[in-house]
Amino acid sequence: MMLSILYSAILLASIGIVAAIILYVVSKKFYVYEDPLIAEVDEILPAANCGGCGSPGCKAFAERLVTSEDISELFCPVGGNDVMKEVASLLGKEVKEQDPTVAVLRCQGGCDVRPKTTIYQGPRSCAISSLVYGGETDCQYGCLGDGDCVDVCDFDAMYMDETTGLPVIITDKCTSCGACVKACPRDIIEMRPRNKRDLKIFVGCLNEDKGGIARKACSVACIGCSKCEDICPKDAVVMTDTLAYIDPEVCTLCRKCVEVCPTDSIIETNFPPKKVKKPKEDKPVAKKTEKPAIKEKTKPVAKKEVKPEVKAKAEVEPENPSKDA
């Protein structure tokens, strides 16, 4: 009995030793070397795993950063310039500083300006409805309102407005990961530069129909009138057929295009209201008071004194002496 137990223990120990040797040989044979810098870079990255950098996750992006000779075109939108500078300092490579961006919704077609003409009863998903259905309005280019972009946002930077039926982007929470851009089947979400105080001017419409048709479907649609293009002093507005587009790299935020747009399809964000110039009141002109004319001083004329003898003679002689007949 004791011998059988001893033999069993020896057999199990032998199998274990042989298996360990085999595993050791296999691990050495198929060992994949991993640069320890990859783990260090991965610790610096924000671990969002959003895919905004073009890689499936932060670990894969860290590997690209370490193995690439030139990382000037690689950028982590969530970490921003600060994270990229730290990575570049660790790897001894150069990175290009980029302006931070934020997602914007290029559609204003809410329920009040884009009336519904049909009722959709299929699955509430933008991806599905865009394949089998044109939408509940006559605009075939606007937001479908099913919230696929909100569902994919991992940072709670978006929500659906129950009044308008459109997604609302919370700029302060947006990390510029681009997940909402990829999720939108209509391509109406765009990443635009986040300027100082988040000032932005862009055309909130993608309707490519002619002006009359677009205006009938949505009262704030771009009708391709070209007024914004004509008034832009920097040629930042580009007309493509019947649709205007404002280049954020050229636009100086002068807001002249906003004032001339007849349909209010150009959106301006975070600008203070323009001060209305009060008409200048005409100040009453003070009448010049005429100075009184200065009278010339006249010297008094001295009266001639009549001698008493002549005066007496004049009294004696009659005034009209008559001749004797």
C-alpha atoms as a PDB file:
ATOM      1  CA  MET A   1       0.000   0.000   0.000  1.00  0.00           C
ATOM      2  CA  MET A   2       2.725   2.411   0.975  1.00  0.00           C
ATOM      3  CA  LEU A   3       4.758   1.485  -2.103  1.00  0.00           C
ATOM      4  CA  SER A   4       1.836   2.233  -4.455  1.00  0.00           C
ATOM      5  CA  ILE A   5       1.350   5.603  -2.861  1.00  0.00           C
ATOM      6  CA  LEU A   6       5.066   6.315  -3.170  1.00  0.00           C
ATOM      7  CA  TYR A   7       5.086   5.274  -6.818  1.00  0.00           C
ATOM      8  CA  SER A   8       2.078   7.523  -7.525  1.00  0.00           C
ATOM      9  CA  ALA A   9       3.772  10.498  -5.892  1.00  0.00           C
ATOM     10  CA  ILE A  10       6.972   9.909  -7.818  1.00  0.00           C
ATOM     11  CA  LEU A  11       4.996   9.570 -11.067  1.00  0.00           C
ATOM     12  CA  LEU A  12       3.101  12.814 -10.506  1.00  0.00           C
ATOM     13  CA  ALA A  13       6.294  14.645  -9.593  1.00  0.00           C
ATOM     14  CA  SER A  14       7.998  13.335 -12.717  1.00  0.00           C
ATOM     15  CA  ILE A  15       5.094  14.440 -14.911  1.00  0.00           C
ATOM     16  CA  GLY A  16       5.159  17.882 -13.299  1.00  0.00           C
ATOM     17  CA  ILE A  17       8.897  18.228 -13.832  1.00  0.00           C
ATOM     18  CA  VAL A  18       8.664  17.147 -17.457  1.00  0.00           C
ATOM     19  CA  ALA A  19       5.736  19.523 -18.090  1.00  0.00           C
ATOM     20  CA  ALA A  20       7.644  22.422 -16.491  1.00  0.00           C
ATOM     21  CA  ILE A  21      10.673  21.696 -18.666  1.00  0.00           C
ATOM     22  CA  ILE A  22       8.482  21.604 -21.789  1.00  0.00           C
ATOM     23  CA  LEU A  23       6.754  24.865 -20.878  1.00  0.00           C
ATOM     24  CA  TYR A  24      10.100  26.517 -20.203  1.00  0.00           C
ATOM     25  CA  VAL A  25      11.501  25.421 -23.552  1.00  0.00           C
ATOM     26  CA  VAL A  26       8.348  26.514 -25.393  1.00  0.00           C
ATOM     27  CA  SER A  27       8.293  29.914 -23.664  1.00  0.00           C
ATOM     28  CA  LYS A  28      11.911  30.502 -24.608  1.00  0.00           C
ATOM     29  CA  LYS A  29      11.346  29.286 -28.143  1.00  0.00           C
ATOM     30  CA  PHE A  30       8.298  31.473 -28.779  1.00  0.00           C
ATOM     31  CA  TYR A  31       9.210  34.370 -26.508  1.00  0.00           C
ATOM     32  CA  VAL A  32       8.141  37.743 -27.834  1.00  0.00           C
ATOM     33  CA  TYR A  33      10.271  40.581 -26.615  1.00  0.00           C
ATOM     34  CA  GLU A  34       8.385  43.667 -25.460  1.00  0.00           C
ATOM     35  CA  ASP A  35      10.170  46.919 -25.004  1.00  0.00           C
ATOM     36  CA  PRO A  36       9.737  48.070 -21.386  1.00  0.00           C
ATOM     37  CA  LEU A  37       9.167  51.587 -22.746  1.00  0.00           C
ATOM     38  CA  ILE A  38       5.768  50.455 -24.017  1.00  0.00           C
ATOM     39  CA  ALA A  39       4.557  49.867 -20.471  1.00  0.00           C
ATOM     40  CA  GLU A  40       5.975  53.210 -19.343  1.00  0.00           C
ATOM     41  CA  VAL A  41       4.265  55.084 -22.186  1.00  0.00           C
ATOM     42  CA  ASP A  42       1.032  53.202 -21.499  1.00  0.00           C
ATOM     43  CA  GLU A  43       1.099  54.495 -17.939  1.00  0.00           C
ATOM     44  CA  ILE A  44       1.369  58.087 -19.209  1.00  0.00           C
ATOM     45  CA  LEU A  45      -1.586  57.757 -21.587  1.00  0.00           C
ATOM     46  CA  PRO A  46      -5.061  58.472 -20.125  1.00  0.00           C
ATOM     47  CA  ALA A  47      -6.281  54.844 -20.466  1.00  0.00           C
ATOM     48  CA  ALA A  48      -9.478  56.005 -22.159  1.00  0.00           C
ATOM     49  CA  ASN A  49      -9.223  53.341 -24.879  1.00  0.00           C
ATOM     50  CA  CYS A  50     -11.478  55.516 -27.032  1.00  0.00           C
ATOM     51  CA  GLY A  51      -9.781  54.939 -30.364  1.00  0.00           C
ATOM     52  CA  GLY A  52      -9.487  58.637 -31.094  1.00  0.00           C
ATOM     53  CA  CYS A  53      -5.789  58.214 -31.861  1.00  0.00           C
ATOM     54  CA  GLY A  54      -6.517  55.678 -34.579  1.00  0.00           C
ATOM     55  CA  SER A  55      -5.431  52.678 -32.506  1.00  0.00           C
ATOM     56  CA  PRO A  56      -7.769  50.146 -30.876  1.00  0.00           C
ATOM     57  CA  GLY A  57      -6.606  51.136 -27.405  1.00  0.00           C
ATOM     58  CA  CYS A  58      -3.993  52.954 -25.353  1.00  0.00           C
ATOM     59  CA  LYS A  59      -1.701  49.910 -25.200  1.00  0.00           C
ATOM     60  CA  ALA A  60      -1.655  49.629 -28.985  1.00  0.00           C
ATOM     61  CA  PHE A  61      -1.056  53.385 -29.289  1.00  0.00           C
ATOM     62  CA  ALA A  62       1.836  53.159 -26.830  1.00  0.00           C
ATOM     63  CA  GLU A  63       3.393  50.455 -29.001  1.00  0.00           C
ATOM     64  CA  ARG A  64       3.055  52.688 -32.078  1.00  0.00           C
ATOM     65  CA  LEU A  65       4.695  55.569 -30.253  1.00  0.00           C
ATOM     66  CA  VAL A  66       7.647  53.465 -29.166  1.00  0.00           C
ATOM     67  CA  THR A  67       8.211  51.646 -32.470  1.00  0.00           C
ATOM     68  CA  SER A  68       7.680  54.635 -34.802  1.00  0.00           C
ATOM     69  CA  GLU A  69      10.687  56.759 -35.648  1.00  0.00           C
ATOM     70  CA  ASP A  70       8.583  59.833 -36.397  1.00  0.00           C
ATOM     71  CA  ILE A  71       5.654  60.490 -34.030  1.00  0.00           C
ATOM     72  CA  SER A  72       4.944  64.062 -35.139  1.00  0.00           C
ATOM     73  CA  GLU A  73       1.692  62.978 -36.800  1.00  0.00           C
ATOM     74  CA  LEU A  74       0.535  60.842 -33.864  1.00  0.00           C
ATOM     75  CA  PHE A  75      -1.683  62.503 -31.290  1.00  0.00           C
ATOM     76  CA  CYS A  76      -3.772  61.525 -28.290  1.00  0.00           C
ATOM     77  CA  PRO A  77      -6.886  63.755 -28.377  1.00  0.00           C
ATOM     78  CA  VAL A  78      -7.892  62.909 -24.832  1.00  0.00           C
ATOM     79  CA  GLY A  79      -4.521  63.587 -23.231  1.00  0.00           C
ATOM     80  CA  GLY A  80      -3.795  66.556 -25.470  1.00  0.00           C
ATOM     81  CA  ASN A  81      -0.518  68.401 -25.870  1.00  0.00           C
ATOM     82  CA  ASP A  82       0.586  67.914 -22.253  1.00  0.00           C
ATOM     83  CA  VAL A  83       0.491  64.104 -22.479  1.00  0.00           C
ATOM     84  CA  MET A  84       2.200  64.082 -25.869  1.00  0.00           C
ATOM     85  CA  LYS A  85       5.004  66.308 -24.592  1.00  0.00           C
ATOM     86  CA  GLU A  86       5.564  63.941 -21.658  1.00  0.00           C
ATOM     87  CA  VAL A  87       5.688  60.962 -24.010  1.00  0.00           C
ATOM     88  CA  ALA A  88       8.106  62.747 -26.333  1.00  0.00           C
ATOM     89  CA  SER A  89      10.356  63.616 -23.401  1.00  0.00           C
ATOM     90  CA  LEU A  90      10.457  59.956 -22.337  1.00  0.00           C
ATOM     91  CA  LEU A  91      11.170  58.656 -25.836  1.00  0.00           C
ATOM     92  CA  GLY A  92      13.495  61.453 -26.886  1.00  0.00           C
ATOM     93  CA  LYS A  93      11.380  62.230 -29.938  1.00  0.00           C
ATOM     94  CA  GLU A  94       9.638  65.330 -31.235  1.00  0.00           C
ATOM     95  CA  VAL A  95       5.892  65.872 -31.391  1.00  0.00           C
ATOM     96  CA  LYS A  96       3.866  68.532 -33.129  1.00  0.00           C
ATOM     97  CA  GLU A  97       1.625  70.644 -30.941  1.00  0.00           C
ATOM     98  CA  GLN A  98      -1.965  70.636 -32.136  1.00  0.00           C
ATOM     99  CA  ASP A  99      -4.879  72.898 -31.387  1.00  0.00           C
ATOM    100  CA  PRO A 100      -7.509  71.246 -29.195  1.00  0.00           C
ATOM    101  CA  THR A 101     -10.738  70.363 -30.949  1.00  0.00           C
ATOM    102  CA  VAL A 102     -14.325  69.799 -29.911  1.00  0.00           C
ATOM    103  CA  ALA A 103     -17.292  68.079 -31.525  1.00  0.00           C
ATOM    104  CA  VAL A 104     -19.999  70.231 -33.112  1.00  0.00           C
ATOM    105  CA  LEU A 105     -23.389  69.227 -34.495  1.00  0.00           C
ATOM    106  CA  ARG A 106     -23.917  70.583 -37.996  1.00  0.00           C
ATOM    107  CA  CYS A 107     -27.700  70.385 -37.903  1.00  0.00           C
ATOM    108  CA  GLN A 108     -30.325  72.676 -36.407  1.00  0.00           C
ATOM    109  CA  GLY A 109     -33.309  70.690 -37.639  1.00  0.00           C
ATOM    110  CA  GLY A 110     -35.286  70.514 -34.446  1.00  0.00           C
ATOM    111  CA  CYS A 111     -38.974  69.715 -34.246  1.00  0.00           C
ATOM    112  CA  ASP A 112     -39.929  73.391 -34.426  1.00  0.00           C
ATOM    113  CA  VAL A 113     -38.136  74.118 -37.714  1.00  0.00           C
ATOM    114  CA  ARG A 114     -38.181  70.713 -39.447  1.00  0.00           C
ATOM    115  CA  PRO A 115     -41.720  69.279 -39.339  1.00  0.00           C
ATOM    116  CA  LYS A 116     -42.234  65.535 -39.442  1.00  0.00           C
ATOM    117  CA  THR A 117     -43.945  64.128 -42.512  1.00  0.00           C
ATOM    118  CA  THR A 118     -43.863  60.416 -41.631  1.00  0.00           C
ATOM    119  CA  ILE A 119     -43.629  58.212 -38.547  1.00  0.00           C
ATOM    120  CA  TYR A 120     -40.851  55.633 -38.223  1.00  0.00           C
ATOM    121  CA  GLN A 121     -41.803  52.433 -36.378  1.00  0.00           C
ATOM    122  CA  GLY A 122     -38.624  50.396 -36.792  1.00  0.00           C
ATOM    123  CA  PRO A 123     -35.690  49.885 -34.393  1.00  0.00           C
ATOM    124  CA  ARG A 124     -34.622  53.158 -32.800  1.00  0.00           C
ATOM    125  CA  SER A 125     -31.100  53.238 -34.157  1.00  0.00           C
ATOM    126  CA  CYS A 126     -29.571  55.785 -36.506  1.00  0.00           C
ATOM    127  CA  ALA A 127     -27.412  53.118 -38.131  1.00  0.00           C
ATOM    128  CA  ILE A 128     -30.408  50.906 -38.970  1.00  0.00           C
ATOM    129  CA  SER A 129     -32.862  53.646 -39.937  1.00  0.00           C
ATOM    130  CA  SER A 130     -30.322  55.290 -42.251  1.00  0.00           C
ATOM    131  CA  LEU A 131     -30.033  52.032 -44.207  1.00  0.00           C
ATOM    132  CA  VAL A 132     -33.737  51.300 -44.622  1.00  0.00           C
ATOM    133  CA  TYR A 133     -35.361  54.691 -44.130  1.00  0.00           C
ATOM    134  CA  GLY A 134     -34.800  58.310 -45.083  1.00  0.00           C
ATOM    135  CA  GLY A 135     -36.009  59.812 -41.831  1.00  0.00           C
ATOM    136  CA  GLU A 136     -39.232  61.240 -40.498  1.00  0.00           C
ATOM    137  CA  THR A 137     -38.836  64.577 -42.284  1.00  0.00           C
ATOM    138  CA  ASP A 138     -38.316  65.706 -45.866  1.00  0.00           C
ATOM    139  CA  CYS A 139     -34.658  66.478 -45.115  1.00  0.00           C
ATOM    140  CA  GLN A 140     -32.531  63.518 -46.141  1.00  0.00           C
ATOM    141  CA  TYR A 141     -29.327  64.988 -44.708  1.00  0.00           C
ATOM    142  CA  GLY A 142     -30.162  66.008 -41.132  1.00  0.00           C
ATOM    143  CA  CYS A 143     -30.059  64.304 -37.750  1.00  0.00           C
ATOM    144  CA  LEU A 144     -32.133  61.136 -37.379  1.00  0.00           C
ATOM    145  CA  GLY A 145     -32.510  61.732 -33.647  1.00  0.00           C
ATOM    146  CA  ASP A 146     -32.055  58.165 -32.395  1.00  0.00           C
ATOM    147  CA  GLY A 147     -28.996  58.965 -30.262  1.00  0.00           C
ATOM    148  CA  ASP A 148     -26.316  56.576 -31.529  1.00  0.00           C
ATOM    149  CA  CYS A 149     -23.746  59.303 -30.864  1.00  0.00           C
ATOM    150  CA  VAL A 150     -24.892  59.641 -27.264  1.00  0.00           C
ATOM    151  CA  ASP A 151     -24.671  55.894 -26.708  1.00  0.00           C
ATOM    152  CA  VAL A 152     -21.030  55.659 -27.785  1.00  0.00           C
ATOM    153  CA  CYS A 153     -19.812  58.647 -25.760  1.00  0.00           C
ATOM    154  CA  ASP A 154     -17.849  57.295 -22.779  1.00  0.00           C
ATOM    155  CA  PHE A 155     -17.397  60.700 -21.165  1.00  0.00           C
ATOM    156  CA  ASP A 156     -21.047  61.763 -20.715  1.00  0.00           C
ATOM    157  CA  ALA A 157     -20.396  64.713 -23.004  1.00  0.00           C
ATOM    158  CA  MET A 158     -23.647  64.331 -24.967  1.00  0.00           C
ATOM    159  CA  TYR A 159     -27.356  64.000 -24.266  1.00  0.00           C
ATOM    160  CA  MET A 160     -30.570  64.112 -26.289  1.00  0.00           C
ATOM    161  CA  ASP A 161     -32.700  67.227 -26.000  1.00  0.00           C
ATOM    162  CA  GLU A 162     -36.329  66.143 -25.595  1.00  0.00           C
ATOM    163  CA  THR A 163     -37.618  69.449 -26.949  1.00  0.00           C
ATOM    164  CA  THR A 164     -35.680  69.564 -30.217  1.00  0.00           C
ATOM    165  CA  GLY A 165     -34.939  65.863 -30.644  1.00  0.00           C
ATOM    166  CA  LEU A 166     -31.280  66.689 -31.333  1.00  0.00           C
ATOM    167  CA  PRO A 167     -28.126  65.695 -29.448  1.00  0.00           C
ATOM    168  CA  VAL A 168     -26.478  68.372 -27.324  1.00  0.00           C
ATOM    169  CA  ILE A 169     -22.701  68.422 -26.888  1.00  0.00           C
ATOM    170  CA  ILE A 170     -21.277  69.497 -23.532  1.00  0.00           C
ATOM    171  CA  THR A 171     -18.093  71.245 -24.616  1.00  0.00           C
ATOM    172  CA  ASP A 172     -16.397  71.139 -21.218  1.00  0.00           C
ATOM    173  CA  LYS A 173     -16.678  67.340 -21.078  1.00  0.00           C
ATOM    174  CA  CYS A 174     -15.841  66.607 -24.713  1.00  0.00           C
ATOM    175  CA  THR A 175     -12.433  64.956 -25.014  1.00  0.00           C
ATOM    176  CA  SER A 176     -12.334  65.058 -28.804  1.00  0.00           C
ATOM    177  CA  CYS A 177     -12.117  61.283 -29.024  1.00  0.00           C
ATOM    178  CA  GLY A 178     -14.153  61.232 -32.242  1.00  0.00           C
ATOM    179  CA  ALA A 179     -16.365  58.295 -31.252  1.00  0.00           C
ATOM    180  CA  CYS A 180     -19.535  60.253 -31.983  1.00  0.00           C
ATOM    181  CA  VAL A 181     -18.192  61.242 -35.412  1.00  0.00           C
ATOM    182  CA  LYS A 182     -17.706  57.594 -36.358  1.00  0.00           C
ATOM    183  CA  ALA A 183     -21.095  56.555 -34.966  1.00  0.00           C
ATOM    184  CA  CYS A 184     -23.128  59.115 -36.944  1.00  0.00           C
ATOM    185  CA  PRO A 185     -24.313  57.619 -40.270  1.00  0.00           C
ATOM    186  CA  ARG A 186     -25.194  61.046 -41.661  1.00  0.00           C
ATOM    187  CA  ASP A 187     -21.734  62.539 -40.925  1.00  0.00           C
ATOM    188  CA  ILE A 188     -23.244  65.637 -39.333  1.00  0.00           C
ATOM    189  CA  ILE A 189     -20.837  65.719 -36.362  1.00  0.00           C
ATOM    190  CA  GLU A 190     -17.531  67.424 -37.027  1.00  0.00           C
ATOM    191  CA  MET A 191     -14.427  68.096 -34.956  1.00  0.00           C
ATOM    192  CA  ARG A 192     -13.572  71.792 -35.043  1.00  0.00           C
ATOM    193  CA  PRO A 193     -10.826  73.789 -33.276  1.00  0.00           C
ATOM    194  CA  ARG A 194     -11.620  74.924 -29.762  1.00  0.00           C
ATOM    195  CA  ASN A 195     -10.658  78.602 -29.896  1.00  0.00           C
ATOM    196  CA  LYS A 196     -10.241  80.933 -26.957  1.00  0.00           C
ATOM    197  CA  ARG A 197     -13.406  80.904 -24.851  1.00  0.00           C
ATOM    198  CA  ASP A 198     -14.658  78.203 -27.257  1.00  0.00           C
ATOM    199  CA  LEU A 199     -15.724  80.724 -29.908  1.00  0.00           C
ATOM    200  CA  LYS A 200     -16.932  78.991 -33.064  1.00  0.00           C
ATOM    201  CA  ILE A 201     -18.712  79.940 -36.272  1.00  0.00           C
ATOM    202  CA  PHE A 202     -19.911  77.213 -38.631  1.00  0.00           C
ATOM    203  CA  VAL A 203     -22.740  76.379 -41.013  1.00  0.00           C
ATOM    204  CA  GLY A 204     -25.285  74.247 -39.159  1.00  0.00           C
ATOM    205  CA  CYS A 205     -26.662  72.530 -42.240  1.00  0.00           C
ATOM    206  CA  LEU A 206     -25.617  69.793 -44.664  1.00  0.00           C
ATOM    207  CA  ASN A 207     -28.659  69.836 -46.942  1.00  0.00           C
ATOM    208  CA  GLU A 208     -27.445  69.568 -50.523  1.00  0.00           C
ATOM    209  CA  ASP A 209     -30.861  70.199 -52.110  1.00  0.00           C
ATOM    210  CA  LYS A 210     -31.637  73.398 -53.970  1.00  0.00           C
ATOM    211  CA  GLY A 211     -32.640  76.415 -51.933  1.00  0.00           C
ATOM    212  CA  GLY A 212     -36.410  76.154 -52.339  1.00  0.00           C
ATOM    213  CA  ILE A 213     -36.545  72.428 -51.563  1.00  0.00           C
ATOM    214  CA  ALA A 214     -34.167  72.748 -48.605  1.00  0.00           C
ATOM    215  CA  ARG A 215     -36.097  75.718 -47.155  1.00  0.00           C
ATOM    216  CA  LYS A 216     -39.383  73.820 -47.461  1.00  0.00           C
ATOM    217  CA  ALA A 217     -37.987  70.872 -45.506  1.00  0.00           C
ATOM    218  CA  CYS A 218     -36.289  73.012 -42.841  1.00  0.00           C
ATOM    219  CA  SER A 219     -36.728  76.725 -42.203  1.00  0.00           C
ATOM    220  CA  VAL A 220     -33.090  77.139 -41.087  1.00  0.00           C
ATOM    221  CA  ALA A 221     -31.517  75.256 -43.996  1.00  0.00           C
ATOM    222  CA  CYS A 222     -28.707  76.690 -46.077  1.00  0.00           C
ATOM    223  CA  ILE A 223     -30.182  77.838 -49.411  1.00  0.00           C
ATOM    224  CA  GLY A 224     -26.886  78.528 -51.178  1.00  0.00           C
ATOM    225  CA  CYS A 225     -27.474  82.261 -51.611  1.00  0.00           C
ATOM    226  CA  SER A 226     -23.702  82.984 -51.410  1.00  0.00           C
ATOM    227  CA  LYS A 227     -24.218  86.115 -49.306  1.00  0.00           C
ATOM    228  CA  CYS A 228     -21.849  84.774 -46.654  1.00  0.00           C
ATOM    229  CA  GLU A 229     -19.212  84.076 -49.280  1.00  0.00           C
ATOM    230  CA  ASP A 230     -19.526  87.536 -50.796  1.00  0.00           C
ATOM    231  CA  ILE A 231     -19.157  89.410 -47.513  1.00  0.00           C
ATOM    232  CA  CYS A 232     -16.322  87.336 -46.000  1.00  0.00           C
ATOM    233  CA  PRO A 233     -13.160  89.503 -46.035  1.00  0.00           C
ATOM    234  CA  LYS A 234     -10.811  86.507 -45.653  1.00  0.00           C
ATOM    235  CA  ASP A 235     -12.364  84.082 -48.183  1.00  0.00           C
ATOM    236  CA  ALA A 236     -13.074  81.629 -45.369  1.00  0.00           C
ATOM    237  CA  VAL A 237     -16.475  80.653 -46.815  1.00  0.00           C
ATOM    238  CA  VAL A 238     -16.431  78.065 -49.579  1.00  0.00           C
ATOM    239  CA  MET A 239     -19.518  77.318 -51.666  1.00  0.00           C
ATOM    240  CA  THR A 240     -19.936  73.731 -52.860  1.00  0.00           C
ATOM    241  CA  ASP A 241     -22.885  73.678 -55.241  1.00  0.00           C
ATOM    242  CA  THR A 242     -25.729  74.853 -52.973  1.00  0.00           C
ATOM    243  CA  LEU A 243     -24.004  74.489 -49.598  1.00  0.00           C
ATOM    244  CA  ALA A 244     -21.681  76.817 -47.726  1.00  0.00           C
ATOM    245  CA  TYR A 245     -18.773  75.687 -45.582  1.00  0.00           C
ATOM    246  CA  ILE A 246     -16.660  77.856 -43.268  1.00  0.00           C
ATOM    247  CA  ASP A 247     -12.995  76.886 -43.053  1.00  0.00           C
ATOM    248  CA  PRO A 248     -11.999  77.109 -39.359  1.00  0.00           C
ATOM    249  CA  GLU A 249      -8.330  77.575 -40.246  1.00  0.00           C
ATOM    250  CA  VAL A 250      -9.048  80.736 -42.234  1.00  0.00           C
ATOM    251  CA  CYS A 251     -12.029  82.193 -40.369  1.00  0.00           C
ATOM    252  CA  THR A 252     -11.186  85.183 -38.155  1.00  0.00           C
ATOM    253  CA  LEU A 253     -14.541  85.101 -36.295  1.00  0.00           C
ATOM    254  CA  CYS A 254     -15.602  88.527 -37.568  1.00  0.00           C
ATOM    255  CA  ARG A 255     -19.285  87.386 -37.599  1.00  0.00           C
ATOM    256  CA  LYS A 256     -20.145  89.291 -40.768  1.00  0.00           C
ATOM    257  CA  CYS A 257     -21.482  86.123 -42.396  1.00  0.00           C
ATOM    258  CA  VAL A 258     -23.844  85.562 -39.475  1.00  0.00           C
ATOM    259  CA  GLU A 259     -25.466  88.941 -39.966  1.00  0.00           C
ATOM    260  CA  VAL A 260     -26.234  88.481 -43.670  1.00  0.00           C
ATOM    261  CA  CYS A 261     -27.512  84.881 -43.557  1.00  0.00           C
ATOM    262  CA  PRO A 262     -31.232  85.069 -44.474  1.00  0.00           C
ATOM    263  CA  THR A 263     -32.138  81.703 -42.880  1.00  0.00           C
ATOM    264  CA  ASP A 264     -29.984  81.879 -39.729  1.00  0.00           C
ATOM    265  CA  SER A 265     -28.248  78.653 -40.750  1.00  0.00           C
ATOM    266  CA  ILE A 266     -24.841  79.898 -39.525  1.00  0.00           C
ATOM    267  CA  ILE A 267     -24.219  79.088 -35.875  1.00  0.00           C
ATOM    268  CA  GLU A 268     -22.105  81.215 -33.540  1.00  0.00           C
ATOM    269  CA  THR A 269     -21.248  79.924 -30.066  1.00  0.00           C
ATOM    270  CA  ASN A 270     -20.207  81.704 -26.876  1.00  0.00           C
ATOM    271  CA  PHE A 271     -20.106  85.172 -28.427  1.00  0.00           C
ATOM    272  CA  PRO A 272     -21.371  88.056 -26.317  1.00  0.00           C
ATOM    273  CA  PRO A 273     -24.380  89.851 -27.778  1.00  0.00           C
ATOM    274  CA  LYS A 274     -23.425  92.663 -30.058  1.00  0.00           C
ATOM    275  CA  LYS A 275     -23.887  96.115 -28.633  1.00  0.00           C
ATOM    276  CA  VAL A 276     -26.485  98.149 -30.428  1.00  0.00           C
ATOM    277  CA  LYS A 277     -25.057 101.489 -31.337  1.00  0.00           C
ATOM    278  CA  LYS A 278     -27.302 104.297 -30.260  1.00  0.00           C
ATOM    279  CA  PRO A 279     -27.861 107.009 -32.847  1.00  0.00           C
ATOM    280  CA  LYS A 280     -25.927 110.090 -32.060  1.00  0.00           C
ATOM    281  CA  GLU A 281     -28.150 112.903 -30.884  1.00  0.00           C
ATOM    282  CA  ASP A 282     -27.579 116.249 -32.511  1.00  0.00           C
ATOM    283  CA  LYS A 283     -26.350 118.614 -29.904  1.00  0.00           C
ATOM    284  CA  PRO A 284     -28.177 121.944 -29.950  1.00  0.00           C
ATOM    285  CA  VAL A 285     -26.036 124.607 -31.530  1.00  0.00           C
ATOM    286  CA  ALA A 286     -25.675 127.578 -29.256  1.00  0.00           C
ATOM    287  CA  LYS A 287     -26.833 130.726 -30.993  1.00  0.00           C
ATOM    288  CA  LYS A 288     -24.331 133.464 -31.140  1.00  0.00           C
ATOM    289  CA  THR A 289     -25.592 136.472 -29.260  1.00  0.00           C
ATOM    290  CA  GLU A 290     -25.109 139.636 -31.188  1.00  0.00           C
ATOM    291  CA  LYS A 291     -23.185 142.175 -29.297  1.00  0.00           C
ATOM    292  CA  PRO A 292     -24.937 145.510 -29.020  1.00  0.00           C
ATOM    293  CA  ALA A 293     -23.656 148.026 -31.485  1.00  0.00           C
ATOM    294  CA  ILE A 294     -21.267 150.435 -29.959  1.00  0.00           C
ATOM    295  CA  LYS A 295     -22.581 153.914 -30.376  1.00  0.00           C
ATOM    296  CA  GLU A 296     -20.083 156.342 -31.607  1.00  0.00           C
ATOM    297  CA  LYS A 297     -19.495 159.134 -29.254  1.00  0.00           C
ATOM    298  CA  THR A 298     -20.407 162.433 -30.875  1.00  0.00           C
ATOM    299  CA  LYS A 299     -18.976 165.576 -29.684  1.00  0.00           C
ATOM    300  CA  PRO A 300     -21.658 168.029 -28.504  1.00  0.00           C
ATOM    301  CA  VAL A 301     -22.126 170.919 -30.927  1.00  0.00           C
ATOM    302  CA  ALA A 302     -21.556 174.150 -29.134  1.00  0.00           C
ATOM    303  CA  LYS A 303     -24.491 176.534 -29.558  1.00  0.00           C
ATOM    304  CA  LYS A 304     -23.658 179.971 -30.741  1.00  0.00           C
ATOM    305  CA  GLU A 305     -24.559 182.566 -28.210  1.00  0.00           C
ATOM    306  CA  VAL A 306     -26.655 185.409 -29.588  1.00  0.00           C
ATOM    307  CA  LYS A 307     -25.436 188.736 -28.608  1.00  0.00           C
ATOM    308  CA  PRO A 308     -28.009 190.756 -26.631  1.00  0.00           C
ATOM    309  CA  GLU A 309     -27.936 193.722 -29.021  1.00  0.00           C
ATOM    310  CA  VAL A 310     -28.780 191.573 -32.034  1.00  0.00           C
ATOM    311  CA  LYS A 311     -31.553 189.830 -30.110  1.00  0.00           C
ATOM    312  CA  ALA A 312     -33.166 193.098 -29.094  1.00  0.00           C
ATOM    313  CA  LYS A 313     -33.037 194.342 -32.634  1.00  0.00           C
ATOM    314  CA  ALA A 314     -34.694 191.243 -33.890  1.00  0.00           C
ATOM    315  CA  GLU A 315     -37.525 191.674 -31.449  1.00  0.00           C
ATOM    316  CA  VAL A 316     -38.201 195.263 -32.551  1.00  0.00           C
ATOM    317  CA  GLU A 317     -38.287 194.514 -36.300  1.00  0.00           C
ATOM    318  CA  PRO A 318     -41.473 192.889 -37.530  1.00  0.00           C
ATOM    319  CA  GLU A 319     -41.168 189.492 -39.148  1.00  0.00           C
ATOM    320  CA  ASN A 320     -42.946 190.480 -42.346  1.00  0.00           C
ATOM    321  CA  PRO A 321     -42.534 194.197 -42.949  1.00  0.00           C
ATOM    322  CA  SER A 322     -45.027 195.605 -45.460  1.00  0.00           C
ATOM    323  CA  LYS A 323     -44.193 198.364 -47.898  1.00  0.00           C
ATOM    324  CA  ASP A 324     -46.177 201.640 -47.821  1.00  0.00           C
ATOM    325  CA  ALA A 325     -48.470 201.972 -50.740  1.00  0.00           C
END
